[in-house]
């Protein structure tokens, strides 16, 4: 395993946000995601469900590779809790695995959550890619591929007219969001002594690494900053939900 990981540890000059590499990745990646999601909007329900399941399995394999790469090559076989996979952009890996085993009525709130919250997470990560850029080719490729898969996943659900674009549909995603945020908070507090654990970027022990929100700590303090951050996520997801409501009427 270590030999395989070393073989893939190709180094590169770390790209810069909004440099040529980043812009080309955005133009090509976003275009491909939109094109494929739109072309696949008429697949059968079974193909769609197992397609989401398959994407989640790919995400799981990608995450396993990343974890092993960090553990063996970058962190001297000491686990780096900063990369523990429970961020907003990690959730589709867990949610999609459940799709083939759920009835439609239980799957709909999850689809709506992915349409709204995962699309927001993918867009924000791709537009502000500091955490996506690495000095290793495979880690950079992993980060961009991960978020393009999230983008495709969310668009495919929306173009396939799944989920629930009503106000009630969005409200049904809120228990999911608060449950995930609650789990993230529990992890941040209960295990903070193990290392730099900052799930959902709302740890009470660390400065925010998110653009703009890092400026709020001196003004409001960490707790209020985290609440503002969560509110902004909800607001962004609601705006995307409204966009989907209009788009699905046009498809």
Protein backbone atom coordinates (compact mmCIF):
# COMPACT_ATOMS: atom_id res chain seq x y z
CA UNK A 1 0.00 0.00 0.00
CA UNK A 2 2.72 2.48 0.96
CA UNK A 3 4.63 1.67 -2.21
CA UNK A 4 1.53 2.35 -4.30
CA UNK A 5 0.93 5.65 -2.50
CA UNK A 6 4.54 6.73 -3.03
CA UNK A 7 4.21 5.91 -6.71
CA UNK A 8 1.28 8.33 -6.95
CA UNK A 9 2.97 11.10 -4.93
CA UNK A 10 3.78 13.30 -7.91
CA UNK A 11 4.66 16.81 -6.90
CA UNK A 12 3.60 20.02 -8.59
CA UNK A 13 3.77 23.72 -7.98
CA UNK A 14 0.81 24.57 -5.79
CA UNK A 15 -1.75 26.35 -7.99
CA UNK A 16 -3.03 29.77 -7.03
CA UNK A 17 -6.71 30.67 -6.67
CA UNK A 18 -8.05 32.27 -9.85
CA UNK A 19 -4.84 31.46 -11.68
CA UNK A 20 -4.90 29.81 -15.09
CA UNK A 21 -5.16 26.30 -13.63
CA UNK A 22 -8.10 27.21 -11.39
CA UNK A 23 -10.00 29.07 -14.11
CA UNK A 24 -9.55 26.24 -16.62
CA UNK A 25 -10.67 23.68 -14.05
CA UNK A 26 -13.80 25.71 -13.36
CA UNK A 27 -14.65 26.23 -17.02
CA UNK A 28 -14.15 22.61 -18.02
CA UNK A 29 -15.42 20.96 -14.85
CA UNK A 30 -18.59 22.99 -14.46
CA UNK A 31 -19.43 22.64 -18.16
CA UNK A 32 -18.99 18.86 -18.05
CA UNK A 33 -21.08 18.55 -14.88
CA UNK A 34 -23.94 20.61 -16.28
CA UNK A 35 -23.82 18.82 -19.65
CA UNK A 36 -23.85 15.29 -18.24
CA UNK A 37 -26.42 16.06 -15.55
CA UNK A 38 -28.75 17.54 -18.16
CA UNK A 39 -28.28 14.69 -20.65
CA UNK A 40 -29.00 12.11 -17.94
CA UNK A 41 -32.16 13.80 -16.71
CA UNK A 42 -34.45 11.21 -18.34
CA UNK A 43 -32.84 8.00 -17.07
CA UNK A 44 -35.10 5.54 -15.29
CA UNK A 45 -35.69 5.84 -11.56
CA UNK A 46 -33.68 2.67 -10.93
CA UNK A 47 -30.74 3.95 -12.97
CA UNK A 48 -30.91 7.25 -11.15
CA UNK A 49 -31.00 5.69 -7.66
CA UNK A 50 -28.13 3.31 -8.34
CA UNK A 51 -26.26 6.08 -10.12
CA UNK A 52 -26.35 8.16 -6.93
CA UNK A 53 -25.29 5.07 -5.00
CA UNK A 54 -22.38 4.51 -7.41
CA UNK A 55 -21.19 8.10 -7.08
CA UNK A 56 -21.21 7.73 -3.30
CA UNK A 57 -19.05 4.60 -3.60
CA UNK A 58 -16.60 6.52 -5.79
CA UNK A 59 -16.50 9.27 -3.15
CA UNK A 60 -15.83 6.63 -0.50
CA UNK A 61 -12.88 5.23 -2.50
CA UNK A 62 -11.51 8.73 -3.10
CA UNK A 63 -11.77 9.51 0.60
CA UNK A 64 -10.00 6.30 1.54
CA UNK A 65 -7.14 7.17 -0.81
CA UNK A 66 -6.85 10.67 0.66
CA UNK A 67 -6.85 9.38 4.23
CA UNK A 68 -4.15 6.80 3.48
CA UNK A 69 -2.06 9.31 1.55
CA UNK A 70 -2.06 11.70 4.49
CA UNK A 71 -1.50 8.99 7.08
CA UNK A 72 1.44 7.25 5.41
CA UNK A 73 3.13 9.98 3.37
CA UNK A 74 2.37 13.33 4.98
CA UNK A 75 1.70 12.72 8.67
CA UNK A 76 4.27 10.09 9.69
CA UNK A 77 1.51 7.57 10.48
CA UNK A 78 -0.14 9.97 12.94
CA UNK A 79 -3.78 10.68 12.14
CA UNK A 80 -4.53 14.27 11.12
CA UNK A 81 -7.94 15.05 12.60
CA UNK A 82 -8.24 18.15 10.42
CA UNK A 83 -9.17 15.90 7.50
CA UNK A 84 -11.69 13.76 9.39
CA UNK A 85 -14.48 13.29 6.81
CA UNK A 86 -17.43 15.06 8.36
CA UNK A 87 -17.71 18.39 6.58
CA UNK A 88 -20.73 19.68 4.67
CA UNK A 89 -19.06 18.44 1.49
CA UNK A 90 -18.49 14.99 3.01
CA UNK A 91 -22.16 14.27 3.64
CA UNK A 92 -23.11 13.08 0.11
CA UNK A 93 -20.68 10.18 0.58
CA UNK A 94 -22.83 8.93 3.46
CA UNK A 95 -26.25 9.99 2.19
CA UNK A 96 -25.99 8.49 -1.29
CA UNK A 97 -25.04 5.08 0.07
CA UNK A 98 -28.53 4.88 1.62
CA UNK A 99 -30.49 5.59 -1.57
CA UNK A 100 -31.17 2.01 -2.78
CA UNK A 101 -32.42 1.02 0.66
CA UNK A 102 -34.93 3.83 1.21
CA UNK A 103 -38.50 4.29 0.11
CA UNK A 104 -39.27 7.40 -1.93
CA UNK A 105 -40.87 9.28 0.95
CA UNK A 106 -37.68 8.92 3.02
CA UNK A 107 -35.39 9.64 0.09
CA UNK A 108 -37.07 12.92 -0.92
CA UNK A 109 -35.76 15.06 2.01
CA UNK A 110 -32.26 13.68 1.38
CA UNK A 111 -32.52 14.54 -2.31
CA UNK A 112 -33.66 18.05 -1.44
CA UNK A 113 -30.78 18.40 1.02
CA UNK A 114 -28.27 17.35 -1.64
CA UNK A 115 -29.85 19.67 -4.23
CA UNK A 116 -29.60 22.66 -1.93
CA UNK A 117 -26.86 22.25 0.67
CA UNK A 118 -24.42 20.08 -1.27
CA UNK A 119 -24.69 22.31 -4.32
CA UNK A 120 -23.94 25.31 -2.11
CA UNK A 121 -20.95 23.54 -0.56
CA UNK A 122 -19.55 22.50 -3.93
CA UNK A 123 -19.92 25.97 -5.42
CA UNK A 124 -18.30 27.73 -2.47
CA UNK A 125 -15.39 25.27 -2.34
CA UNK A 126 -14.74 25.61 -6.07
CA UNK A 127 -14.92 29.41 -6.00
CA UNK A 128 -12.68 29.71 -2.93
CA UNK A 129 -10.30 26.79 -3.48
CA UNK A 130 -7.53 27.40 -0.93
CA UNK A 131 -8.24 23.99 0.63
CA UNK A 132 -8.33 22.32 -2.79
CA UNK A 133 -4.86 23.36 -3.91
CA UNK A 134 -1.95 21.11 -2.91
CA UNK A 135 1.65 20.54 -3.92
CA UNK A 136 0.74 16.99 -4.86
CA UNK A 137 -0.99 16.25 -8.17
CA UNK A 138 -3.22 13.52 -6.81
CA UNK A 139 -4.44 15.48 -3.78
CA UNK A 140 -5.30 18.46 -5.98
CA UNK A 141 -7.01 16.17 -8.50
CA UNK A 142 -8.84 14.43 -5.65
CA UNK A 143 -10.13 17.72 -4.24
CA UNK A 144 -11.40 19.05 -7.56
CA UNK A 145 -12.87 15.72 -8.67
CA UNK A 146 -14.64 15.39 -5.31
CA UNK A 147 -16.35 18.74 -5.59
CA UNK A 148 -17.18 18.30 -9.27
CA UNK A 149 -18.86 15.00 -8.37
CA UNK A 150 -20.85 16.85 -5.70
CA UNK A 151 -21.80 19.47 -8.28
CA UNK A 152 -22.87 16.80 -10.76
CA UNK A 153 -24.77 14.89 -8.08
CA UNK A 154 -26.76 17.95 -7.02
CA UNK A 155 -27.47 19.03 -10.61
CA UNK A 156 -28.54 15.54 -11.63
CA UNK A 157 -31.04 15.35 -8.80
CA UNK A 158 -32.44 18.74 -9.76
CA UNK A 159 -32.53 18.11 -13.51
CA UNK A 160 -34.17 14.73 -12.86
CA UNK A 161 -36.90 16.63 -11.00
CA UNK A 162 -36.37 14.78 -7.76
CA UNK A 163 -36.53 16.27 -4.30
CA UNK A 164 -39.19 18.73 -3.20
CA UNK A 165 -38.86 22.36 -4.29
CA UNK A 166 -41.76 23.62 -2.17
CA UNK A 167 -41.24 25.62 1.00
CA UNK A 168 -42.32 22.56 2.96
CA UNK A 169 -39.66 20.57 1.14
CA UNK A 170 -36.95 22.96 2.28
CA UNK A 171 -38.26 22.97 5.84
CA UNK A 172 -37.98 19.18 5.87
CA UNK A 173 -34.24 19.50 5.24
CA UNK A 174 -33.69 21.65 8.34
CA UNK A 175 -33.79 18.76 10.85
CA UNK A 176 -31.14 17.05 8.73
CA UNK A 177 -28.97 20.15 8.65
CA UNK A 178 -29.23 20.77 12.39
CA UNK A 179 -28.62 17.09 13.11
CA UNK A 180 -25.43 17.13 11.03
CA UNK A 181 -24.34 20.46 12.55
CA UNK A 182 -25.05 19.01 16.00
CA UNK A 183 -22.92 15.94 15.27
CA UNK A 184 -20.14 18.20 14.01
CA UNK A 185 -20.34 20.29 17.18
CA UNK A 186 -20.24 17.19 19.36
CA UNK A 187 -17.16 15.90 17.53
CA UNK A 188 -15.45 19.31 17.76
CA UNK A 189 -15.97 19.52 21.52
CA UNK A 190 -15.68 15.91 22.60
CA UNK A 191 -12.53 15.08 20.66
CA UNK A 192 -10.72 18.41 20.37
CA UNK A 193 -7.87 17.14 22.54
CA UNK A 194 -6.99 14.55 19.88
CA UNK A 195 -5.93 17.19 17.36
CA UNK A 196 -7.20 20.01 15.18
CA UNK A 197 -10.80 18.89 14.73
CA UNK A 198 -12.94 21.54 13.03
CA UNK A 199 -15.96 19.86 11.49
CA UNK A 200 -18.32 22.18 9.59
CA UNK A 201 -15.74 24.88 10.46
CA UNK A 202 -17.67 25.68 13.65
CA UNK A 203 -15.24 24.50 16.31
CA UNK A 204 -15.26 26.80 19.38
CA UNK A 205 -11.49 26.30 19.67
CA UNK A 206 -10.21 27.56 16.31
CA UNK A 207 -10.35 30.60 14.10
CA UNK A 208 -12.51 30.26 11.01
CA UNK A 209 -10.67 29.37 7.81
CA UNK A 210 -13.61 30.49 5.68
CA UNK A 211 -13.32 33.73 3.67
CA UNK A 212 -15.02 36.73 5.31
CA UNK A 213 -16.07 34.78 8.40
CA UNK A 214 -12.53 34.88 9.73
CA UNK A 215 -13.03 38.65 10.07
CA UNK A 216 -16.07 38.26 12.34
CA UNK A 217 -14.35 36.69 15.35
CA UNK A 218 -12.81 39.92 16.71
CA UNK A 219 -16.19 41.65 16.34
CA UNK A 220 -18.68 39.05 17.57
CA UNK A 221 -16.64 36.30 19.21
CA UNK A 222 -16.41 32.67 18.14
CA UNK A 223 -19.87 31.47 19.21
CA UNK A 224 -21.76 34.26 17.45
CA UNK A 225 -19.50 33.93 14.41
CA UNK A 226 -20.41 30.25 14.16
CA UNK A 227 -24.13 31.03 14.42
CA UNK A 228 -23.81 33.66 11.68
CA UNK A 229 -21.93 31.14 9.56
CA UNK A 230 -24.66 28.51 9.98
CA UNK A 231 -27.35 31.07 9.22
CA UNK A 232 -25.54 32.06 6.02
CA UNK A 233 -25.42 28.41 4.97
CA UNK A 234 -29.17 28.17 5.52
CA UNK A 235 -29.76 31.39 3.59
CA UNK A 236 -27.58 30.25 0.69
CA UNK A 237 -29.31 26.86 0.56
CA UNK A 238 -32.72 28.57 0.59
CA UNK A 239 -31.74 30.79 -2.36
CA UNK A 240 -30.58 27.73 -4.29
CA UNK A 241 -33.87 26.03 -3.39
CA UNK A 242 -35.78 28.94 -4.92
CA UNK A 243 -33.68 28.70 -8.07
CA UNK A 244 -34.46 24.99 -8.35
CA UNK A 245 -38.16 25.76 -7.95
CA UNK A 246 -38.01 27.92 -11.06
CA UNK A 247 -35.69 25.67 -13.06
CA UNK A 248 -37.72 22.52 -12.53
CA UNK A 249 -40.77 24.26 -13.95
CA UNK A 250 -38.79 25.01 -17.12
CA UNK A 251 -37.30 21.54 -17.62
